[in-house]
Amino acid sequence: MSIDRMAKMVQRRQGIGVKDKVVRFRGTTLVFRYNHDGYDIFINGQKINFVKTKDVNEAVRIYKATLSSPC
């Protein structure tokens, strides 16, 4: 377990919200990180998109349904 994950666990135990979620989708690791307007979506540390919502699960659903499709 990495130090970052351990730090997040400690923050959650103390009631401090951690506003990011890691999702593996189609062989890619996505990070959804909350900012004041919604969720930024990162792949390999680069911001690829933004979803305006307050719910991380909705942000993941929106990404999978619309933003991940190849154009």
PDB file of N, CA and C in Angstrom:
ATOM      1  N   MET A   1       0.848  -1.175   0.000  1.00  0.00           N
ATOM      2  CA  MET A   1       0.000   0.000   0.000  1.00  0.00           C
ATOM      3  C   MET A   1       0.892   1.237   0.000  1.00  0.00           C
ATOM      4  N   SER A   2       0.609   2.147  -0.884  1.00  0.00           N
ATOM      5  CA  SER A   2       1.428   3.351  -0.980  1.00  0.00           C
ATOM      6  C   SER A   2       1.106   4.326   0.150  1.00  0.00           C
ATOM      7  N   ILE A   3       2.002   5.253   0.361  1.00  0.00           N
ATOM      8  CA  ILE A   3       1.813   6.248   1.420  1.00  0.00           C
ATOM      9  C   ILE A   3       0.581   7.102   1.138  1.00  0.00           C
ATOM     10  N   ASP A   4       0.343   7.430  -0.129  1.00  0.00           N
ATOM     11  CA  ASP A   4      -0.828   8.239  -0.466  1.00  0.00           C
ATOM     12  C   ASP A   4      -2.122   7.540  -0.061  1.00  0.00           C
ATOM     13  N   ARG A   5      -2.206   6.245  -0.335  1.00  0.00           N
ATOM     14  CA  ARG A   5      -3.417   5.507   0.029  1.00  0.00           C
ATOM     15  C   ARG A   5      -3.578   5.435   1.537  1.00  0.00           C
ATOM     16  N   MET A   6      -2.475   5.254   2.239  1.00  0.00           N
ATOM     17  CA  MET A   6      -2.543   5.204   3.701  1.00  0.00           C
ATOM     18  C   MET A   6      -2.976   6.558   4.264  1.00  0.00           C
ATOM     19  N   ALA A   7      -2.451   7.632   3.687  1.00  0.00           N
ATOM     20  CA  ALA A   7      -2.826   8.975   4.141  1.00  0.00           C
ATOM     21  C   ALA A   7      -4.313   9.223   3.912  1.00  0.00           C
ATOM     22  N   LYS A   8      -4.836   8.773   2.796  1.00  0.00           N
ATOM     23  CA  LYS A   8      -6.257   8.939   2.509  1.00  0.00           C
ATOM     24  C   LYS A   8      -7.115   8.152   3.496  1.00  0.00           C
ATOM     25  N   MET A   9      -6.654   6.947   3.849  1.00  0.00           N
ATOM     26  CA  MET A   9      -7.394   6.150   4.827  1.00  0.00           C
ATOM     27  C   MET A   9      -7.459   6.869   6.174  1.00  0.00           C
ATOM     28  N   VAL A  10      -6.347   7.449   6.587  1.00  0.00           N
ATOM     29  CA  VAL A  10      -6.311   8.180   7.853  1.00  0.00           C
ATOM     30  C   VAL A  10      -7.232   9.392   7.790  1.00  0.00           C
ATOM     31  N   GLN A  11      -7.209  10.110   6.669  1.00  0.00           N
ATOM     32  CA  GLN A  11      -8.085  11.274   6.523  1.00  0.00           C
ATOM     33  C   GLN A  11      -9.553  10.870   6.607  1.00  0.00           C
ATOM     34  N   ARG A  12      -9.908   9.762   5.963  1.00  0.00           N
ATOM     35  CA  ARG A  12     -11.302   9.309   6.006  1.00  0.00           C
ATOM     36  C   ARG A  12     -11.719   8.950   7.426  1.00  0.00           C
ATOM     37  N   ARG A  13     -10.827   8.303   8.161  1.00  0.00           N
ATOM     38  CA  ARG A  13     -11.138   7.931   9.548  1.00  0.00           C
ATOM     39  C   ARG A  13     -11.381   9.155  10.412  1.00  0.00           C
ATOM     40  N   GLN A  14     -10.701  10.255  10.097  1.00  0.00           N
ATOM     41  CA  GLN A  14     -10.848  11.474  10.878  1.00  0.00           C
ATOM     42  C   GLN A  14     -11.977  12.359  10.353  1.00  0.00           C
ATOM     43  N   GLY A  15     -12.708  11.876   9.353  1.00  0.00           N
ATOM     44  CA  GLY A  15     -13.846  12.622   8.839  1.00  0.00           C
ATOM     45  C   GLY A  15     -13.493  13.664   7.801  1.00  0.00           C
ATOM     46  N   ILE A  16     -12.267  13.633   7.311  1.00  0.00           N
ATOM     47  CA  ILE A  16     -11.848  14.569   6.268  1.00  0.00           C
ATOM     48  C   ILE A  16     -12.119  13.898   4.925  1.00  0.00           C
ATOM     49  N   GLY A  17     -12.910  14.532   4.087  1.00  0.00           N
ATOM     50  CA  GLY A  17     -13.265  13.939   2.809  1.00  0.00           C
ATOM     51  C   GLY A  17     -12.111  13.934   1.828  1.00  0.00           C
ATOM     52  N   VAL A  18     -11.965  12.837   1.141  1.00  0.00           N
ATOM     53  CA  VAL A  18     -10.970  12.721   0.077  1.00  0.00           C
ATOM     54  C   VAL A  18     -11.747  12.741  -1.225  1.00  0.00           C
ATOM     55  N   LYS A  19     -11.478  13.713  -2.043  1.00  0.00           N
ATOM     56  CA  LYS A  19     -12.306  13.959  -3.214  1.00  0.00           C
ATOM     57  C   LYS A  19     -11.651  13.479  -4.504  1.00  0.00           C
ATOM     58  N   ASP A  20     -11.173  12.244  -4.512  1.00  0.00           N
ATOM     59  CA  ASP A  20     -10.744  11.669  -5.774  1.00  0.00           C
ATOM     60  C   ASP A  20     -11.031  10.183  -5.767  1.00  0.00           C
ATOM     61  N   LYS A  21     -11.131   9.619  -6.963  1.00  0.00           N
ATOM     62  CA  LYS A  21     -11.451   8.208  -7.104  1.00  0.00           C
ATOM     63  C   LYS A  21     -10.660   7.667  -8.278  1.00  0.00           C
ATOM     64  N   VAL A  22     -10.070   6.495  -8.095  1.00  0.00           N
ATOM     65  CA  VAL A  22      -9.306   5.833  -9.148  1.00  0.00           C
ATOM     66  C   VAL A  22     -10.178   4.729  -9.729  1.00  0.00           C
ATOM     67  N   VAL A  23     -10.300   4.716 -11.063  1.00  0.00           N
ATOM     68  CA  VAL A  23     -11.126   3.735 -11.756  1.00  0.00           C
ATOM     69  C   VAL A  23     -10.306   3.134 -12.882  1.00  0.00           C
ATOM     70  N   ARG A  24     -10.355   1.812 -13.007  1.00  0.00           N
ATOM     71  CA  ARG A  24      -9.715   1.147 -14.138  1.00  0.00           C
ATOM     72  C   ARG A  24     -10.800   0.868 -15.177  1.00  0.00           C
ATOM     73  N   PHE A  25     -10.569   1.339 -16.411  1.00  0.00           N
ATOM     74  CA  PHE A  25     -11.581   1.231 -17.459  1.00  0.00           C
ATOM     75  C   PHE A  25     -10.885   1.005 -18.792  1.00  0.00           C
ATOM     76  N   ARG A  26     -11.208  -0.114 -19.446  1.00  0.00           N
ATOM     77  CA  ARG A  26     -10.626  -0.473 -20.745  1.00  0.00           C
ATOM     78  C   ARG A  26      -9.103  -0.448 -20.723  1.00  0.00           C
ATOM     79  N   GLY A  27      -8.510  -0.979 -19.674  1.00  0.00           N
ATOM     80  CA  GLY A  27      -7.059  -1.065 -19.570  1.00  0.00           C
ATOM     81  C   GLY A  27      -6.370   0.230 -19.197  1.00  0.00           C
ATOM     82  N   THR A  28      -7.125   1.254 -18.874  1.00  0.00           N
ATOM     83  CA  THR A  28      -6.576   2.557 -18.518  1.00  0.00           C
ATOM     84  C   THR A  28      -6.958   2.886 -17.082  1.00  0.00           C
ATOM     85  N   THR A  29      -6.035   3.506 -16.364  1.00  0.00           N
ATOM     86  CA  THR A  29      -6.325   3.952 -15.008  1.00  0.00           C
ATOM     87  C   THR A  29      -6.715   5.424 -15.048  1.00  0.00           C
ATOM     88  N   LEU A  30      -7.931   5.710 -14.634  1.00  0.00           N
ATOM     89  CA  LEU A  30      -8.464   7.071 -14.623  1.00  0.00           C
ATOM     90  C   LEU A  30      -8.508   7.580 -13.195  1.00  0.00           C
ATOM     91  N   VAL A  31      -8.209   8.860 -13.008  1.00  0.00           N
ATOM     92  CA  VAL A  31      -8.339   9.491 -11.704  1.00  0.00           C
ATOM     93  C   VAL A  31      -9.357  10.616 -11.845  1.00  0.00           C
ATOM     94  N   PHE A  32     -10.398  10.543 -11.031  1.00  0.00           N
ATOM     95  CA  PHE A  32     -11.417  11.590 -10.971  1.00  0.00           C
ATOM     96  C   PHE A  32     -11.119  12.415  -9.736  1.00  0.00           C
ATOM     97  N   ARG A  33     -10.748  13.681  -9.928  1.00  0.00           N
ATOM     98  CA  ARG A  33     -10.358  14.550  -8.811  1.00  0.00           C
ATOM     99  C   ARG A  33     -11.307  15.741  -8.742  1.00  0.00           C
ATOM    100  N   TYR A  34     -11.877  15.954  -7.565  1.00  0.00           N
ATOM    101  CA  TYR A  34     -12.874  17.008  -7.373  1.00  0.00           C
ATOM    102  C   TYR A  34     -12.220  18.380  -7.285  1.00  0.00           C
ATOM    103  N   ASN A  35     -12.813  19.348  -7.956  1.00  0.00           N
ATOM    104  CA  ASN A  35     -12.482  20.754  -7.743  1.00  0.00           C
ATOM    105  C   ASN A  35     -13.794  21.474  -7.450  1.00  0.00           C
ATOM    106  N   HIS A  36     -13.791  22.762  -7.334  1.00  0.00           N
ATOM    107  CA  HIS A  36     -14.987  23.489  -6.892  1.00  0.00           C
ATOM    108  C   HIS A  36     -16.169  23.422  -7.856  1.00  0.00           C
ATOM    109  N   ASP A  37     -15.954  23.111  -9.122  1.00  0.00           N
ATOM    110  CA  ASP A  37     -17.041  23.062 -10.102  1.00  0.00           C
ATOM    111  C   ASP A  37     -17.496  21.653 -10.454  1.00  0.00           C
ATOM    112  N   GLY A  38     -16.634  20.673 -10.306  1.00  0.00           N
ATOM    113  CA  GLY A  38     -16.963  19.310 -10.706  1.00  0.00           C
ATOM    114  C   GLY A  38     -15.736  18.427 -10.594  1.00  0.00           C
ATOM    115  N   TYR A  39     -15.630  17.464 -11.484  1.00  0.00           N
ATOM    116  CA  TYR A  39     -14.517  16.513 -11.435  1.00  0.00           C
ATOM    117  C   TYR A  39     -13.630  16.639 -12.669  1.00  0.00           C
ATOM    118  N   ASP A  40     -12.321  16.771 -12.427  1.00  0.00           N
ATOM    119  CA  ASP A  40     -11.332  16.701 -13.493  1.00  0.00           C
ATOM    120  C   ASP A  40     -10.981  15.235 -13.688  1.00  0.00           C
ATOM    121  N   ILE A  41     -10.757  14.833 -14.937  1.00  0.00           N
ATOM    122  CA  ILE A  41     -10.422  13.447 -15.244  1.00  0.00           C
ATOM    123  C   ILE A  41      -8.986  13.412 -15.744  1.00  0.00           C
ATOM    124  N   PHE A  42      -8.174  12.577 -15.115  1.00  0.00           N
ATOM    125  CA  PHE A  42      -6.754  12.472 -15.437  1.00  0.00           C
ATOM    126  C   PHE A  42      -6.416  11.067 -15.907  1.00  0.00           C
ATOM    127  N   ILE A  43      -5.538  10.985 -16.906  1.00  0.00           N
ATOM    128  CA  ILE A  43      -4.911   9.734 -17.323  1.00  0.00           C
ATOM    129  C   ILE A  43      -3.415   9.986 -17.327  1.00  0.00           C
ATOM    130  N   ASN A  44      -2.670   9.166 -16.596  1.00  0.00           N
ATOM    131  CA  ASN A  44      -1.210   9.303 -16.489  1.00  0.00           C
ATOM    132  C   ASN A  44      -0.796  10.710 -16.065  1.00  0.00           C
ATOM    133  N   GLY A  45      -1.535  11.304 -15.160  1.00  0.00           N
ATOM    134  CA  GLY A  45      -1.186  12.618 -14.634  1.00  0.00           C
ATOM    135  C   GLY A  45      -1.564  13.788 -15.514  1.00  0.00           C
ATOM    136  N   GLN A  46      -2.149  13.522 -16.683  1.00  0.00           N
ATOM    137  CA  GLN A  46      -2.560  14.599 -17.584  1.00  0.00           C
ATOM    138  C   GLN A  46      -4.081  14.743 -17.552  1.00  0.00           C
ATOM    139  N   LYS A  47      -4.530  15.976 -17.408  1.00  0.00           N
ATOM    140  CA  LYS A  47      -5.970  16.238 -17.405  1.00  0.00           C
ATOM    141  C   LYS A  47      -6.503  16.055 -18.815  1.00  0.00           C
ATOM    142  N   ILE A  48      -7.497  15.178 -18.961  1.00  0.00           N
ATOM    143  CA  ILE A  48      -8.042  14.921 -20.291  1.00  0.00           C
ATOM    144  C   ILE A  48      -9.439  15.492 -20.482  1.00  0.00           C
ATOM    145  N   ASN A  49     -10.169  15.673 -19.364  1.00  0.00           N
ATOM    146  CA  ASN A  49     -11.528  16.174 -19.509  1.00  0.00           C
ATOM    147  C   ASN A  49     -12.051  16.682 -18.176  1.00  0.00           C
ATOM    148  N   PHE A  50     -13.272  17.195 -18.207  1.00  0.00           N
ATOM    149  CA  PHE A  50     -13.924  17.752 -17.025  1.00  0.00           C
ATOM    150  C   PHE A  50     -15.404  17.395 -17.072  1.00  0.00           C
ATOM    151  N   VAL A  51     -15.960  17.014 -15.925  1.00  0.00           N
ATOM    152  CA  VAL A  51     -17.386  16.715 -15.826  1.00  0.00           C
ATOM    153  C   VAL A  51     -17.973  17.589 -14.727  1.00  0.00           C
ATOM    154  N   LYS A  52     -19.020  18.336 -15.059  1.00  0.00           N
ATOM    155  CA  LYS A  52     -19.636  19.233 -14.073  1.00  0.00           C
ATOM    156  C   LYS A  52     -20.722  18.473 -13.322  1.00  0.00           C
ATOM    157  N   THR A  53     -20.357  17.957 -12.150  1.00  0.00           N
ATOM    158  CA  THR A  53     -21.280  17.265 -11.258  1.00  0.00           C
ATOM    159  C   THR A  53     -20.671  17.229  -9.869  1.00  0.00           C
ATOM    160  N   LYS A  54     -21.493  17.032  -8.873  1.00  0.00           N
ATOM    161  CA  LYS A  54     -21.010  16.952  -7.489  1.00  0.00           C
ATOM    162  C   LYS A  54     -20.841  15.505  -7.031  1.00  0.00           C
ATOM    163  N   ASP A  55     -21.279  14.536  -7.839  1.00  0.00           N
ATOM    164  CA  ASP A  55     -21.260  13.126  -7.460  1.00  0.00           C
ATOM    165  C   ASP A  55     -20.210  12.383  -8.283  1.00  0.00           C
ATOM    166  N   VAL A  56     -19.256  11.748  -7.605  1.00  0.00           N
ATOM    167  CA  VAL A  56     -18.173  11.068  -8.311  1.00  0.00           C
ATOM    168  C   VAL A  56     -18.695   9.875  -9.109  1.00  0.00           C
ATOM    169  N   ASN A  57     -19.685   9.171  -8.586  1.00  0.00           N
ATOM    170  CA  ASN A  57     -20.221   8.026  -9.322  1.00  0.00           C
ATOM    171  C   ASN A  57     -20.927   8.468 -10.600  1.00  0.00           C
ATOM    172  N   GLU A  58     -21.582   9.605 -10.555  1.00  0.00           N
ATOM    173  CA  GLU A  58     -22.205  10.156 -11.757  1.00  0.00           C
ATOM    174  C   GLU A  58     -21.136  10.592 -12.758  1.00  0.00           C
ATOM    175  N   ALA A  59     -20.033  11.157 -12.273  1.00  0.00           N
ATOM    176  CA  ALA A  59     -18.937  11.555 -13.155  1.00  0.00           C
ATOM    177  C   ALA A  59     -18.349  10.342 -13.872  1.00  0.00           C
ATOM    178  N   VAL A  60     -18.181   9.242 -13.151  1.00  0.00           N
ATOM    179  CA  VAL A  60     -17.666   8.009 -13.762  1.00  0.00           C
ATOM    180  C   VAL A  60     -18.647   7.504 -14.807  1.00  0.00           C
ATOM    181  N   ARG A  61     -19.935   7.504 -14.475  1.00  0.00           N
ATOM    182  CA  ARG A  61     -20.959   7.037 -15.407  1.00  0.00           C
ATOM    183  C   ARG A  61     -20.993   7.892 -16.675  1.00  0.00           C
ATOM    184  N   ILE A  62     -20.914   9.204 -16.521  1.00  0.00           N
ATOM    185  CA  ILE A  62     -20.907  10.108 -17.676  1.00  0.00           C
ATOM    186  C   ILE A  62     -19.685   9.850 -18.544  1.00  0.00           C
ATOM    187  N   TYR A  63     -18.526   9.679 -17.919  1.00  0.00           N
ATOM    188  CA  TYR A  63     -17.309   9.414 -18.687  1.00  0.00           C
ATOM    189  C   TYR A  63     -17.444   8.122 -19.481  1.00  0.00           C
ATOM    190  N   LYS A  64     -17.890   7.063 -18.819  1.00  0.00           N
ATOM    191  CA  LYS A  64     -18.001   5.769 -19.496  1.00  0.00           C
ATOM    192  C   LYS A  64     -19.025   5.804 -20.621  1.00  0.00           C
ATOM    193  N   ALA A  65     -20.111   6.533 -20.434  1.00  0.00           N
ATOM    194  CA  ALA A  65     -21.190   6.554 -21.420  1.00  0.00           C
ATOM    195  C   ALA A  65     -20.898   7.452 -22.612  1.00  0.00           C
ATOM    196  N   THR A  66     -20.247   8.589 -22.393  1.00  0.00           N
ATOM    197  CA  THR A  66     -20.130   9.557 -23.487  1.00  0.00           C
ATOM    198  C   THR A  66     -18.701   9.941 -23.836  1.00  0.00           C
ATOM    199  N   LEU A  67     -17.882  10.202 -22.849  1.00  0.00           N
ATOM    200  CA  LEU A  67     -16.570  10.776 -23.127  1.00  0.00           C
ATOM    201  C   LEU A  67     -15.528   9.757 -23.554  1.00  0.00           C
ATOM    202  N   SER A  68     -15.734   8.481 -23.241  1.00  0.00           N
ATOM    203  CA  SER A  68     -14.718   7.481 -23.551  1.00  0.00           C
ATOM    204  C   SER A  68     -14.825   6.941 -24.964  1.00  0.00           C
ATOM    205  N   SER A  69     -15.916   7.228 -25.667  1.00  0.00           N
ATOM    206  CA  SER A  69     -16.101   6.680 -27.004  1.00  0.00           C
ATOM    207  C   SER A  69     -15.122   7.312 -27.985  1.00  0.00           C
ATOM    208  N   PRO A  70     -14.475   6.480 -28.817  1.00  0.00           N
ATOM    209  CA  PRO A  70     -13.529   7.035 -29.794  1.00  0.00           C
ATOM    210  C   PRO A  70     -14.252   7.838 -30.863  1.00  0.00           C
ATOM    211  N   CYS A  71     -13.671   8.934 -31.271  1.00  0.00           N
ATOM    212  CA  CYS A  71     -14.289   9.809 -32.285  1.00  0.00           C
ATOM    213  C   CYS A  71     -13.584   9.654 -33.604  1.00  0.00           C
TER     214      CYS A  71
END
